[in-house]
């Protein structure tokens, strides 16, 4: 028990006498995030087999379901507008 008190006492003395050595951090400005378009929520019901196909395609091609939906809607509307 005496040994513990000596260690604790010497630790307290060291804390009082030594100046803390805090690391200096380098401040860097935050890079702005480029936003393509403002987003809005879009919910709809689709057949389950189509949902499975979209999920499988996204997993195989490393593309999100959101990106697949956006691309499909843009292509569909582009084709409709051109006709």
PDB file of N, CA and C in Angstrom:
ATOM      1  N   UNK A   1       0.812  -1.186   0.000  1.00  0.00           N
ATOM      2  CA  UNK A   1       0.000   0.000   0.000  1.00  0.00           C
ATOM      3  C   UNK A   1       0.863   1.261   0.000  1.00  0.00           C
ATOM      4  N   UNK A   2       1.990   1.215   0.734  1.00  0.00           N
ATOM      5  CA  UNK A   2       2.906   2.355   0.790  1.00  0.00           C
ATOM      6  C   UNK A   2       3.491   2.636  -0.589  1.00  0.00           C
ATOM      7  N   UNK A   3       3.845   1.573  -1.282  1.00  0.00           N
ATOM      8  CA  UNK A   3       4.419   1.731  -2.620  1.00  0.00           C
ATOM      9  C   UNK A   3       3.425   2.434  -3.549  1.00  0.00           C
ATOM     10  N   UNK A   4       2.167   2.056  -3.446  1.00  0.00           N
ATOM     11  CA  UNK A   4       1.115   2.663  -4.270  1.00  0.00           C
ATOM     12  C   UNK A   4       0.997   4.148  -3.956  1.00  0.00           C
ATOM     13  N   UNK A   5       1.039   4.527  -2.681  1.00  0.00           N
ATOM     14  CA  UNK A   5       0.929   5.929  -2.287  1.00  0.00           C
ATOM     15  C   UNK A   5       2.119   6.736  -2.804  1.00  0.00           C
ATOM     16  N   UNK A   6       3.324   6.137  -2.764  1.00  0.00           N
ATOM     17  CA  UNK A   6       4.515   6.832  -3.275  1.00  0.00           C
ATOM     18  C   UNK A   6       4.378   7.078  -4.778  1.00  0.00           C
ATOM     19  N   UNK A   7       3.930   6.045  -5.505  1.00  0.00           N
ATOM     20  CA  UNK A   7       3.758   6.195  -6.957  1.00  0.00           C
ATOM     21  C   UNK A   7       2.710   7.261  -7.267  1.00  0.00           C
ATOM     22  N   UNK A   8       1.617   7.237  -6.525  1.00  0.00           N
ATOM     23  CA  UNK A   8       0.549   8.203  -6.734  1.00  0.00           C
ATOM     24  C   UNK A   8       1.034   9.610  -6.399  1.00  0.00           C
ATOM     25  N   UNK A   9       1.787   9.738  -5.313  1.00  0.00           N
ATOM     26  CA  UNK A   9       2.316  11.039  -4.917  1.00  0.00           C
ATOM     27  C   UNK A   9       3.297  11.581  -5.933  1.00  0.00           C
ATOM     28  N   UNK A  10       4.171  10.716  -6.464  1.00  0.00           N
ATOM     29  CA  UNK A  10       5.132  11.182  -7.448  1.00  0.00           C
ATOM     30  C   UNK A  10       4.438  11.552  -8.754  1.00  0.00           C
ATOM     31  N   UNK A  11       3.369  10.864  -9.074  1.00  0.00           N
ATOM     32  CA  UNK A  11       2.603  11.199 -10.272  1.00  0.00           C
ATOM     33  C   UNK A  11       1.967  12.574 -10.119  1.00  0.00           C
ATOM     34  N   UNK A  12       1.411  12.838  -8.943  1.00  0.00           N
ATOM     35  CA  UNK A  12       0.796  14.141  -8.698  1.00  0.00           C
ATOM     36  C   UNK A  12       1.833  15.252  -8.790  1.00  0.00           C
ATOM     37  N   UNK A  13       3.027  15.028  -8.258  1.00  0.00           N
ATOM     38  CA  UNK A  13       4.095  16.034  -8.338  1.00  0.00           C
ATOM     39  C   UNK A  13       4.517  16.276  -9.783  1.00  0.00           C
ATOM     40  N   UNK A  14       4.627  15.201 -10.551  1.00  0.00           N
ATOM     41  CA  UNK A  14       5.011  15.356 -11.958  1.00  0.00           C
ATOM     42  C   UNK A  14       3.960  16.147 -12.728  1.00  0.00           C
ATOM     43  N   UNK A  15       2.696  15.895 -12.467  1.00  0.00           N
ATOM     44  CA  UNK A  15       1.629  16.603 -13.156  1.00  0.00           C
ATOM     45  C   UNK A  15       1.671  18.090 -12.820  1.00  0.00           C
ATOM     46  N   UNK A  16       1.954  18.415 -11.564  1.00  0.00           N
ATOM     47  CA  UNK A  16       2.000  19.811 -11.139  1.00  0.00           C
ATOM     48  C   UNK A  16       3.193  20.535 -11.749  1.00  0.00           C
ATOM     49  N   UNK A  17       4.345  19.877 -11.833  1.00  0.00           N
ATOM     50  CA  UNK A  17       5.585  20.539 -12.239  1.00  0.00           C
ATOM     51  C   UNK A  17       5.801  20.578 -13.759  1.00  0.00           C
ATOM     52  N   UNK A  18       5.356  19.563 -14.480  1.00  0.00           N
ATOM     53  CA  UNK A  18       5.604  19.514 -15.920  1.00  0.00           C
ATOM     54  C   UNK A  18       4.531  20.290 -16.670  1.00  0.00           C
ATOM     55  N   UNK A  19       4.967  20.996 -17.686  1.00  0.00           N
ATOM     56  CA  UNK A  19       3.997  21.687 -18.535  1.00  0.00           C
ATOM     57  C   UNK A  19       3.447  20.681 -19.546  1.00  0.00           C
ATOM     58  N   UNK A  20       2.176  20.745 -19.804  1.00  0.00           N
ATOM     59  CA  UNK A  20       1.590  19.773 -20.747  1.00  0.00           C
ATOM     60  C   UNK A  20       2.115  20.001 -22.163  1.00  0.00           C
ATOM     61  N   UNK A  21       2.339  18.922 -22.848  1.00  0.00           N
ATOM     62  CA  UNK A  21       2.834  18.988 -24.214  1.00  0.00           C
ATOM     63  C   UNK A  21       1.676  18.629 -25.151  1.00  0.00           C
ATOM     64  N   UNK A  22       0.974  19.654 -25.578  1.00  0.00           N
ATOM     65  CA  UNK A  22      -0.164  19.418 -26.465  1.00  0.00           C
ATOM     66  C   UNK A  22       0.294  19.501 -27.912  1.00  0.00           C
ATOM     67  N   UNK A  23      -0.162  18.600 -28.732  1.00  0.00           N
ATOM     68  CA  UNK A  23       0.230  18.656 -30.137  1.00  0.00           C
ATOM     69  C   UNK A  23      -0.432  19.846 -30.832  1.00  0.00           C
ATOM     70  N   UNK A  24       0.283  20.415 -31.759  1.00  0.00           N
ATOM     71  CA  UNK A  24      -0.254  21.540 -32.520  1.00  0.00           C
ATOM     72  C   UNK A  24      -0.894  20.974 -33.780  1.00  0.00           C
ATOM     73  N   UNK A  25      -2.150  21.304 -33.973  1.00  0.00           N
ATOM     74  CA  UNK A  25      -2.875  20.794 -35.129  1.00  0.00           C
ATOM     75  C   UNK A  25      -2.816  21.799 -36.266  1.00  0.00           C
ATOM     76  N   UNK A  26      -2.718  21.282 -37.447  1.00  0.00           N
ATOM     77  CA  UNK A  26      -2.711  22.133 -38.624  1.00  0.00           C
ATOM     78  C   UNK A  26      -4.157  22.307 -39.099  1.00  0.00           C
ATOM     79  N   UNK A  27      -4.565  23.535 -39.275  1.00  0.00           N
ATOM     80  CA  UNK A  27      -5.924  23.827 -39.700  1.00  0.00           C
ATOM     81  C   UNK A  27      -5.949  23.941 -41.212  1.00  0.00           C
ATOM     82  N   UNK A  28      -6.830  23.172 -41.837  1.00  0.00           N
ATOM     83  CA  UNK A  28      -6.962  23.214 -43.285  1.00  0.00           C
ATOM     84  C   UNK A  28      -8.394  23.576 -43.632  1.00  0.00           C
ATOM     85  N   UNK A  29      -8.591  24.393 -44.663  1.00  0.00           N
ATOM     86  CA  UNK A  29      -9.960  24.765 -45.021  1.00  0.00           C
ATOM     87  C   UNK A  29     -10.737  23.564 -45.560  1.00  0.00           C
ATOM     88  N   UNK A  30     -12.021  23.591 -45.334  1.00  0.00           N
ATOM     89  CA  UNK A  30     -12.888  22.516 -45.798  1.00  0.00           C
ATOM     90  C   UNK A  30     -13.148  22.707 -47.279  1.00  0.00           C
ATOM     91  N   UNK A  31     -13.002  21.624 -48.046  1.00  0.00           N
ATOM     92  CA  UNK A  31     -13.242  21.704 -49.481  1.00  0.00           C
ATOM     93  C   UNK A  31     -14.744  21.745 -49.733  1.00  0.00           C
ATOM     94  N   UNK A  32     -15.188  22.637 -50.605  1.00  0.00           N
ATOM     95  CA  UNK A  32     -16.630  22.695 -50.883  1.00  0.00           C
ATOM     96  C   UNK A  32     -17.088  21.443 -51.632  1.00  0.00           C
ATOM     97  N   UNK A  33     -18.290  20.999 -51.327  1.00  0.00           N
ATOM     98  CA  UNK A  33     -18.862  19.829 -51.975  1.00  0.00           C
ATOM     99  C   UNK A  33     -19.682  20.306 -53.165  1.00  0.00           C
ATOM    100  N   UNK A  34     -19.397  19.741 -54.314  1.00  0.00           N
ATOM    101  CA  UNK A  34     -20.126  20.112 -55.520  1.00  0.00           C
ATOM    102  C   UNK A  34     -21.451  19.348 -55.552  1.00  0.00           C
ATOM    103  N   UNK A  35     -22.541  20.081 -55.578  1.00  0.00           N
ATOM    104  CA  UNK A  35     -23.866  19.475 -55.613  1.00  0.00           C
ATOM    105  C   UNK A  35     -24.423  19.649 -57.016  1.00  0.00           C
ATOM    106  N   UNK A  36     -24.808  18.535 -57.636  1.00  0.00           N
ATOM    107  CA  UNK A  36     -25.340  18.605 -58.988  1.00  0.00           C
ATOM    108  C   UNK A  36     -26.685  19.320 -58.999  1.00  0.00           C
ATOM    109  N   UNK A  37     -27.668  18.721 -58.404  1.00  0.00           N
ATOM    110  CA  UNK A  37     -29.012  19.268 -58.361  1.00  0.00           C
ATOM    111  C   UNK A  37     -29.549  19.130 -56.952  1.00  0.00           C
ATOM    112  N   UNK A  38     -30.468  19.998 -56.628  1.00  0.00           N
ATOM    113  CA  UNK A  38     -31.144  19.844 -55.344  1.00  0.00           C
ATOM    114  C   UNK A  38     -32.024  18.604 -55.440  1.00  0.00           C
ATOM    115  N   UNK A  39     -32.048  17.823 -54.397  1.00  0.00           N
ATOM    116  CA  UNK A  39     -32.774  16.567 -54.437  1.00  0.00           C
ATOM    117  C   UNK A  39     -34.135  16.689 -53.772  1.00  0.00           C
ATOM    118  N   UNK A  40     -35.061  15.867 -54.258  1.00  0.00           N
ATOM    119  CA  UNK A  40     -36.398  15.781 -53.670  1.00  0.00           C
ATOM    120  C   UNK A  40     -36.731  14.308 -53.476  1.00  0.00           C
ATOM    121  N   UNK A  41     -37.559  14.038 -52.513  1.00  0.00           N
ATOM    122  CA  UNK A  41     -37.937  12.654 -52.208  1.00  0.00           C
ATOM    123  C   UNK A  41     -38.895  12.138 -53.279  1.00  0.00           C
ATOM    124  N   UNK A  42     -38.699  10.864 -53.688  1.00  0.00           N
ATOM    125  CA  UNK A  42     -39.514  10.258 -54.733  1.00  0.00           C
ATOM    126  C   UNK A  42     -39.823   8.828 -54.315  1.00  0.00           C
ATOM    127  N   UNK A  43     -41.051   8.588 -53.900  1.00  0.00           N
ATOM    128  CA  UNK A  43     -41.470   7.249 -53.465  1.00  0.00           C
ATOM    129  C   UNK A  43     -42.525   6.720 -54.424  1.00  0.00           C
ATOM    130  N   UNK A  44     -42.401   5.460 -54.778  1.00  0.00           N
ATOM    131  CA  UNK A  44     -43.418   4.807 -55.586  1.00  0.00           C
ATOM    132  C   UNK A  44     -43.348   3.305 -55.376  1.00  0.00           C
ATOM    133  N   UNK A  45     -44.401   2.620 -55.767  1.00  0.00           N
ATOM    134  CA  UNK A  45     -44.474   1.178 -55.619  1.00  0.00           C
ATOM    135  C   UNK A  45     -44.176   0.539 -56.957  1.00  0.00           C
ATOM    136  N   UNK A  46     -43.276  -0.481 -56.934  1.00  0.00           N
ATOM    137  CA  UNK A  46     -42.939  -1.211 -58.152  1.00  0.00           C
ATOM    138  C   UNK A  46     -43.079  -2.711 -57.872  1.00  0.00           C
ATOM    139  N   UNK A  47     -43.216  -3.518 -58.921  1.00  0.00           N
ATOM    140  CA  UNK A  47     -43.309  -4.966 -58.709  1.00  0.00           C
ATOM    141  C   UNK A  47     -42.051  -5.509 -58.026  1.00  0.00           C
ATOM    142  N   UNK A  48     -42.237  -6.530 -57.195  1.00  0.00           N
ATOM    143  CA  UNK A  48     -41.116  -7.096 -56.430  1.00  0.00           C
ATOM    144  C   UNK A  48     -40.022  -7.654 -57.334  1.00  0.00           C
ATOM    145  N   UNK A  49     -40.418  -8.308 -58.431  1.00  0.00           N
ATOM    146  CA  UNK A  49     -39.394  -8.881 -59.306  1.00  0.00           C
ATOM    147  C   UNK A  49     -38.540  -7.787 -59.947  1.00  0.00           C
ATOM    148  N   UNK A  50     -39.141  -6.633 -60.259  1.00  0.00           N
ATOM    149  CA  UNK A  50     -38.371  -5.510 -60.796  1.00  0.00           C
ATOM    150  C   UNK A  50     -37.416  -4.967 -59.737  1.00  0.00           C
ATOM    151  N   UNK A  51     -37.882  -4.889 -58.516  1.00  0.00           N
ATOM    152  CA  UNK A  51     -37.033  -4.427 -57.405  1.00  0.00           C
ATOM    153  C   UNK A  51     -35.833  -5.364 -57.228  1.00  0.00           C
ATOM    154  N   UNK A  52     -36.085  -6.683 -57.287  1.00  0.00           N
ATOM    155  CA  UNK A  52     -34.987  -7.657 -57.169  1.00  0.00           C
ATOM    156  C   UNK A  52     -33.985  -7.492 -58.307  1.00  0.00           C
ATOM    157  N   UNK A  53     -34.501  -7.242 -59.512  1.00  0.00           N
ATOM    158  CA  UNK A  53     -33.612  -7.067 -60.662  1.00  0.00           C
ATOM    159  C   UNK A  53     -32.747  -5.819 -60.500  1.00  0.00           C
ATOM    160  N   UNK A  54     -33.340  -4.740 -59.996  1.00  0.00           N
ATOM    161  CA  UNK A  54     -32.596  -3.495 -59.780  1.00  0.00           C
ATOM    162  C   UNK A  54     -31.518  -3.711 -58.720  1.00  0.00           C
ATOM    163  N   UNK A  55     -31.871  -4.391 -57.624  1.00  0.00           N
ATOM    164  CA  UNK A  55     -30.896  -4.661 -56.557  1.00  0.00           C
ATOM    165  C   UNK A  55     -29.750  -5.527 -57.068  1.00  0.00           C
ATOM    166  N   UNK A  56     -30.084  -6.569 -57.827  1.00  0.00           N
ATOM    167  CA  UNK A  56     -29.056  -7.471 -58.347  1.00  0.00           C
ATOM    168  C   UNK A  56     -28.147  -6.738 -59.325  1.00  0.00           C
ATOM    169  N   UNK A  57     -28.743  -5.948 -60.214  1.00  0.00           N
ATOM    170  CA  UNK A  57     -27.948  -5.198 -61.180  1.00  0.00           C
ATOM    171  C   UNK A  57     -27.014  -4.217 -60.469  1.00  0.00           C
ATOM    172  N   UNK A  58     -27.534  -3.546 -59.463  1.00  0.00           N
ATOM    173  CA  UNK A  58     -26.721  -2.596 -58.706  1.00  0.00           C
ATOM    174  C   UNK A  58     -25.569  -3.268 -57.988  1.00  0.00           C
ATOM    175  N   UNK A  59     -25.826  -4.431 -57.410  1.00  0.00           N
ATOM    176  CA  UNK A  59     -24.767  -5.153 -56.695  1.00  0.00           C
ATOM    177  C   UNK A  59     -23.698  -5.650 -57.662  1.00  0.00           C
ATOM    178  N   UNK A  60     -24.106  -6.135 -58.820  1.00  0.00           N
ATOM    179  CA  UNK A  60     -23.147  -6.660 -59.790  1.00  0.00           C
ATOM    180  C   UNK A  60     -22.314  -5.557 -60.439  1.00  0.00           C
ATOM    181  N   UNK A  61     -22.896  -4.378 -60.595  1.00  0.00           N
ATOM    182  CA  UNK A  61     -22.222  -3.287 -61.294  1.00  0.00           C
ATOM    183  C   UNK A  61     -21.769  -2.159 -60.382  1.00  0.00           C
ATOM    184  N   UNK A  62     -21.868  -2.374 -59.075  1.00  0.00           N
ATOM    185  CA  UNK A  62     -21.431  -1.392 -58.074  1.00  0.00           C
ATOM    186  C   UNK A  62     -22.063  -0.022 -58.328  1.00  0.00           C
ATOM    187  N   UNK A  63     -23.372  -0.004 -58.447  1.00  0.00           N
ATOM    188  CA  UNK A  63     -24.127   1.230 -58.654  1.00  0.00           C
ATOM    189  C   UNK A  63     -25.333   1.195 -57.724  1.00  0.00           C
ATOM    190  N   UNK A  64     -25.685   2.337 -57.178  1.00  0.00           N
ATOM    191  CA  UNK A  64     -26.780   2.375 -56.206  1.00  0.00           C
ATOM    192  C   UNK A  64     -28.134   2.289 -56.906  1.00  0.00           C
ATOM    193  N   UNK A  65     -29.132   1.868 -56.158  1.00  0.00           N
ATOM    194  CA  UNK A  65     -30.489   1.797 -56.689  1.00  0.00           C
ATOM    195  C   UNK A  65     -30.978   3.193 -57.068  1.00  0.00           C
ATOM    196  N   UNK A  66     -30.562   4.177 -56.305  1.00  0.00           N
ATOM    197  CA  UNK A  66     -30.924   5.562 -56.595  1.00  0.00           C
ATOM    198  C   UNK A  66     -30.380   5.980 -57.961  1.00  0.00           C
ATOM    199  N   UNK A  67     -29.099   5.676 -58.215  1.00  0.00           N
ATOM    200  CA  UNK A  67     -28.484   6.049 -59.490  1.00  0.00           C
ATOM    201  C   UNK A  67     -29.122   5.302 -60.662  1.00  0.00           C
ATOM    202  N   UNK A  68     -29.470   4.041 -60.442  1.00  0.00           N
ATOM    203  CA  UNK A  68     -30.146   3.266 -61.493  1.00  0.00           C
ATOM    204  C   UNK A  68     -31.488   3.907 -61.822  1.00  0.00           C
ATOM    205  N   UNK A  69     -32.239   4.283 -60.797  1.00  0.00           N
ATOM    206  CA  UNK A  69     -33.549   4.889 -60.996  1.00  0.00           C
ATOM    207  C   UNK A  69     -33.432   6.224 -61.723  1.00  0.00           C
ATOM    208  N   UNK A  70     -32.482   7.049 -61.312  1.00  0.00           N
ATOM    209  CA  UNK A  70     -32.290   8.361 -61.952  1.00  0.00           C
ATOM    210  C   UNK A  70     -31.929   8.183 -63.421  1.00  0.00           C
ATOM    211  N   UNK A  71     -30.991   7.285 -63.699  1.00  0.00           N
ATOM    212  CA  UNK A  71     -30.567   7.053 -65.078  1.00  0.00           C
ATOM    213  C   UNK A  71     -31.731   6.527 -65.925  1.00  0.00           C
ATOM    214  N   UNK A  72     -32.495   5.582 -65.384  1.00  0.00           N
ATOM    215  CA  UNK A  72     -33.618   5.015 -66.133  1.00  0.00           C
ATOM    216  C   UNK A  72     -34.683   6.075 -66.420  1.00  0.00           C
ATOM    217  N   UNK A  73     -35.004   6.903 -65.427  1.00  0.00           N
ATOM    218  CA  UNK A  73     -36.012   7.945 -65.636  1.00  0.00           C
ATOM    219  C   UNK A  73     -35.542   8.979 -66.657  1.00  0.00           C
ATOM    220  N   UNK A  74     -34.277   9.364 -66.596  1.00  0.00           N
ATOM    221  CA  UNK A  74     -33.755  10.343 -67.568  1.00  0.00           C
ATOM    222  C   UNK A  74     -33.788   9.777 -68.977  1.00  0.00           C
ATOM    223  N   UNK A  75     -33.344   8.527 -69.136  1.00  0.00           N
ATOM    224  CA  UNK A  75     -33.362   7.912 -70.471  1.00  0.00           C
ATOM    225  C   UNK A  75     -34.792   7.789 -70.990  1.00  0.00           C
ATOM    226  N   UNK A  76     -35.716   7.391 -70.136  1.00  0.00           N
ATOM    227  CA  UNK A  76     -37.117   7.250 -70.536  1.00  0.00           C
ATOM    228  C   UNK A  76     -37.688   8.587 -70.991  1.00  0.00           C
ATOM    229  N   UNK A  77     -37.479   9.619 -70.179  1.00  0.00           N
ATOM    230  CA  UNK A  77     -38.028  10.926 -70.520  1.00  0.00           C
ATOM    231  C   UNK A  77     -37.337  11.543 -71.736  1.00  0.00           C
ATOM    232  N   UNK A  78     -36.044  11.331 -71.896  1.00  0.00           N
ATOM    233  CA  UNK A  78     -35.352  11.803 -73.098  1.00  0.00           C
ATOM    234  C   UNK A  78     -35.934  11.175 -74.343  1.00  0.00           C
ATOM    235  N   UNK A  79     -36.218   9.871 -74.306  1.00  0.00           N
ATOM    236  CA  UNK A  79     -36.801   9.171 -75.453  1.00  0.00           C
ATOM    237  C   UNK A  79     -38.211   9.675 -75.739  1.00  0.00           C
ATOM    238  N   UNK A  80     -38.987   9.958 -74.702  1.00  0.00           N
ATOM    239  CA  UNK A  80     -40.361  10.437 -74.880  1.00  0.00           C
ATOM    240  C   UNK A  80     -40.386  11.851 -75.450  1.00  0.00           C
ATOM    241  N   UNK A  81     -39.469  12.683 -75.023  1.00  0.00           N
ATOM    242  CA  UNK A  81     -39.428  14.070 -75.491  1.00  0.00           C
ATOM    243  C   UNK A  81     -38.969  14.142 -76.944  1.00  0.00           C
ATOM    244  N   UNK A  82     -38.037  13.271 -77.351  1.00  0.00           N
ATOM    245  CA  UNK A  82     -37.510  13.281 -78.717  1.00  0.00           C
ATOM    246  C   UNK A  82     -38.543  12.849 -79.740  1.00  0.00           C
ATOM    247  N   UNK A  83     -39.500  12.000 -79.339  1.00  0.00           N
ATOM    248  CA  UNK A  83     -40.484  11.474 -80.293  1.00  0.00           C
ATOM    249  C   UNK A  83     -41.532  12.465 -80.645  1.00  0.00           C
TER     250      UNK A  83
END
